[in-house]
Protein backbone atom coordinates (compact mmCIF):
# COMPACT_ATOMS: atom_id res chain seq x y z
CA MET A 1 137.94 10.25 101.47
CA SER A 2 140.72 7.95 102.82
CA VAL A 3 143.73 7.87 106.26
CA LEU A 4 146.56 8.58 104.52
CA ASN A 5 149.21 5.90 106.01
CA LYS A 6 152.71 5.83 107.12
CA GLN A 7 154.18 5.62 103.53
CA ALA A 8 151.56 8.11 102.25
CA LEU A 9 152.75 10.98 105.04
CA GLN A 10 156.28 9.87 104.56
CA GLU A 11 156.01 10.62 100.80
CA LEU A 12 153.95 13.77 100.86
CA ILE A 13 156.74 14.86 103.23
CA GLU A 14 159.55 14.01 100.77
CA GLN A 15 157.50 15.78 97.96
CA ALA A 16 159.43 17.85 95.67
CA GLU A 17 157.03 20.27 94.55
CA TYR A 18 156.21 23.06 97.43
CA GLY A 19 152.27 23.18 96.52
CA ARG A 20 151.87 19.23 97.49
CA LYS A 21 153.78 18.57 100.59
CA LEU A 22 153.46 18.29 103.59
CA ILE A 23 155.41 20.22 106.25
CA VAL A 24 155.59 19.09 109.61
CA THR A 25 158.58 21.26 111.38
CA PRO A 26 160.53 20.74 113.46
CA LEU A 27 160.39 16.73 113.44
CA LEU A 28 162.70 15.88 116.53
CA SER A 29 162.30 12.21 115.99
CA PRO A 30 161.37 9.90 113.37
CA ASN A 31 159.38 7.62 115.96
CA GLN A 32 156.59 10.78 115.88
CA ILE A 33 155.46 9.41 112.42
CA GLY A 34 152.91 6.28 113.36
CA PRO A 35 151.04 4.25 111.18
CA ALA A 36 148.84 6.16 110.71
CA SER A 37 149.21 10.04 112.29
CA ILE A 38 152.06 12.13 113.33
CA ASP A 39 152.46 13.24 117.33
CA VAL A 40 153.19 17.00 117.75
CA ARG A 41 154.51 18.42 120.58
CA LEU A 42 153.78 20.97 122.79
CA GLY A 43 154.87 24.46 122.30
CA SER A 44 156.21 27.67 124.40
CA SER A 45 153.18 29.70 123.46
CA ILE A 46 150.16 29.66 125.95
CA ILE A 47 147.42 31.55 126.44
CA VAL A 48 145.77 31.30 130.08
CA PRO A 49 141.75 32.47 130.52
CA ARG A 50 141.04 34.17 133.30
CA ARG A 51 138.54 33.93 135.73
CA THR A 52 136.39 36.73 135.32
CA PHE A 53 132.37 37.91 136.91
CA VAL A 54 131.03 38.96 133.66
CA ALA A 55 127.39 37.40 132.89
CA SER A 56 128.75 35.63 130.08
CA HIS A 57 130.90 35.81 127.27
CA ASP A 58 128.34 37.25 124.75
CA VAL A 59 130.17 36.98 121.38
CA THR A 60 126.69 38.25 119.36
CA ASP A 61 127.61 41.40 120.34
CA PRO A 62 130.41 43.32 118.25
CA ARG A 63 130.39 45.56 121.12
CA ARG A 64 131.61 43.34 123.74
CA VAL A 65 133.87 40.86 121.21
CA GLU A 66 136.75 42.65 122.03
CA GLN A 67 136.63 42.19 125.25
CA VAL A 68 136.29 38.58 125.07
CA GLU A 69 138.96 38.24 122.84
CA LYS A 70 141.72 40.46 124.40
CA ARG A 71 140.55 41.52 127.94
CA LEU A 72 140.36 37.96 129.48
CA TYR A 73 143.44 35.79 128.70
CA ASP A 74 147.10 36.12 130.11
CA ARG A 75 150.02 35.20 127.37
CA VAL A 76 152.48 32.86 129.03
CA ARG A 77 155.54 32.04 127.43
CA LEU A 78 157.24 28.81 128.69
CA ARG A 79 161.21 28.24 128.80
CA TYR A 80 163.01 25.25 128.13
CA HIS A 81 162.57 22.81 131.56
CA SER A 82 159.94 25.28 132.41
CA GLU A 83 156.79 23.22 134.39
CA PHE A 84 153.10 24.79 133.59
CA ILE A 85 150.72 23.32 135.95
CA LEU A 86 147.08 22.07 134.33
CA HIS A 87 144.71 22.90 137.09
CA PRO A 88 141.57 20.69 137.54
CA ASN A 89 138.57 22.08 135.09
CA GLN A 90 141.05 24.28 133.22
CA LEU A 91 141.15 24.78 129.85
CA ILE A 92 144.10 26.65 128.23
CA LEU A 93 145.26 27.39 124.41
CA ALA A 94 149.00 26.01 123.91
CA ALA A 95 150.32 26.46 120.56
CA THR A 96 152.26 23.55 118.67
CA LEU A 97 155.96 23.10 118.91
CA GLU A 98 155.77 21.90 115.03
CA TYR A 99 154.82 24.29 112.38
CA ILE A 100 152.48 22.71 109.61
CA SER A 101 151.64 23.45 106.45
CA LEU A 102 148.88 21.34 104.77
CA PRO A 103 148.55 20.68 100.65
CA LYS A 104 145.03 21.43 98.96
CA SER A 105 144.43 17.98 98.75
CA VAL A 106 144.80 16.89 102.42
CA PHE A 107 143.18 17.97 106.07
CA CYS A 108 143.79 16.49 108.90
CA GLN A 109 141.85 16.37 112.03
CA VAL A 110 143.97 16.64 115.60
CA ALA A 111 142.74 13.69 118.17
CA SER A 112 144.62 13.51 122.27
CA ARG A 113 147.14 11.17 122.70
CA SER A 114 145.59 7.54 124.85
CA SER A 115 148.03 7.99 127.49
CA TRP A 116 147.71 11.55 128.11
CA GLY A 117 143.50 11.22 127.64
CA ARG A 118 143.66 8.60 130.79
CA LEU A 119 145.34 11.28 132.61
CA GLY A 120 142.39 13.66 132.31
CA LEU A 121 144.06 15.68 129.53
CA VAL A 122 142.14 16.20 126.42
CA VAL A 123 142.60 18.33 123.23
CA ALA A 124 138.83 19.44 123.85
CA THR A 125 137.82 21.33 120.74
CA ALA A 126 138.65 22.81 117.10
CA SER A 127 139.81 19.61 115.74
CA VAL A 128 139.88 20.31 111.97
CA VAL A 129 142.46 21.61 110.26
CA GLN A 130 141.44 22.75 106.56
CA PRO A 131 143.20 22.38 103.44
CA GLY A 132 146.44 24.76 102.87
CA PHE A 133 146.32 25.20 106.56
CA LYS A 134 150.16 26.76 107.19
CA GLY A 135 150.91 27.50 110.75
CA CYS A 136 151.47 26.40 114.39
CA LEU A 137 147.96 25.01 115.79
CA THR A 138 146.59 26.57 118.66
CA LEU A 139 145.60 23.01 121.14
CA GLU A 140 142.56 23.68 123.06
CA LEU A 141 143.40 21.73 126.41
CA ALA A 142 141.31 20.72 129.03
CA ASN A 143 142.07 18.69 132.13
CA LEU A 144 139.34 17.18 133.23
CA SER A 145 140.94 14.93 136.14
CA ASP A 146 140.94 15.84 139.91
CA SER A 147 144.36 16.49 139.92
CA PRO A 148 147.13 18.98 138.86
CA ILE A 149 148.81 18.46 136.06
CA ALA A 150 152.48 18.93 135.29
CA LEU A 151 153.07 19.91 131.14
CA TYR A 152 156.79 21.04 130.04
CA PRO A 153 157.34 22.49 126.45
CA GLY A 154 158.77 19.80 123.90
CA LEU A 155 156.31 16.47 125.66
CA LEU A 156 153.91 14.53 123.27
CA ILE A 157 151.17 16.22 123.60
CA GLY A 158 148.86 15.26 120.19
CA GLN A 159 148.50 13.90 117.34
CA LEU A 160 147.03 14.66 113.42
CA VAL A 161 145.37 12.18 111.47
CA PHE A 162 145.33 12.97 107.66
CA TYR A 163 142.84 12.40 104.76
CA ASP A 164 143.24 13.29 101.65
CA VAL A 165 140.43 14.94 99.62
CA LYS A 166 138.50 14.12 97.20
CA THR A 167 137.33 16.22 93.93
CA THR A 168 135.77 15.92 90.62
CA GLY A 169 136.70 15.80 87.75
CA GLU A 170 139.24 19.31 87.46
CA ALA A 171 137.96 20.52 90.56
CA ILE A 172 139.71 21.37 93.18
CA ALA A 173 140.01 22.37 96.95
CA SER A 174 140.65 26.28 96.97
CA ALA A 175 142.99 27.64 99.24
CA TYR A 176 142.75 28.22 102.90
CA GLU A 177 140.56 31.25 103.84
CA GLY A 178 140.22 31.09 107.64
CA ARG A 179 140.21 33.63 110.29
CA TYR A 180 143.76 32.37 111.85
CA ASP A 181 146.11 32.41 109.10
CA CYS A 182 149.94 31.47 109.67
CA PRO A 183 150.03 31.96 113.33
CA THR A 184 153.44 31.43 114.97
CA GLU A 185 151.66 30.88 118.84
CA ALA A 186 148.28 30.48 120.23
CA GLY A 187 145.98 33.03 119.19
CA LEU A 188 142.89 34.15 120.86
CA PRO A 189 139.56 33.76 119.26
CA GLN A 190 138.65 35.21 116.71
CA PHE A 191 134.64 36.84 115.97
CA PHE A 192 133.52 39.05 113.30
CA THR A 193 136.71 38.88 111.23
CA LYS A 194 134.40 36.67 108.57
CA ARG A 195 131.72 38.02 106.82
CA LEU A 196 129.52 34.86 107.58
CA ASP A 197 129.57 36.11 111.52
CA ASP A 198 127.80 38.71 111.26
CA GLU A 199 124.48 36.43 111.37
CA MET A 200 125.32 36.22 114.90
CA ILE A 201 123.82 39.74 115.67
CA PHE A 202 120.76 38.14 114.05
CA TRP A 203 120.56 35.60 116.04
CA GLY A 204 122.14 37.26 119.51
CA HIS A 205 120.20 39.70 121.50
CA SER A 206 120.54 42.51 119.38
CA GLY A 207 119.12 40.93 116.22
CA ASN A 208 115.56 41.08 114.73
CA SER A 209 114.46 37.75 115.82
CA PRO A 210 110.48 38.17 118.19
CA THR A 211 110.70 38.08 121.44
CA THR A 212 108.90 35.59 123.86
CA LYS A 213 106.45 37.26 125.83
CA PRO A 214 106.09 35.65 129.69
């Protein structure tokens, strides 16, 4: 595994064969392509978690998942030049302006930009984008500072670092089969959409794990 440099990224972007092509669009400035990364901008779609008085977000119980996923969030659509204030210790979900399409030979990681990080704004979690993914990325943005931060759609908010996927023999990476398939706006968390999620029932309070006596 190796990091793709600027030349390699440009070659993938200019690739004529669609299956081997890297798509990051729109690239509003060629300067978004750095020596070993591509900067991405804040889009207009934002999801704001609501403050709640529930004991916890228990995602091991399928009966509560719909409440966690759909009833505890507000959607915001930002207009051009409109301001969004991210308050201290607040987390939001925000879509990138750019639509991404990764070939099966490439995966990427989402990273914070240094200047924003020094203000306390970070891309908090979920930093790996699997080979073959298509769609706008949902960024988990957190304000770790003690002061509110003003955000505007179009600001350079994060960066993508790309890696080649090593294969052996004739093996190639499989197509993307994740739960977030081709999104175009900020996406809510999705649990119990894949078979692997079923094991959460076992490990949760409703499972068959032994109870501990006082």
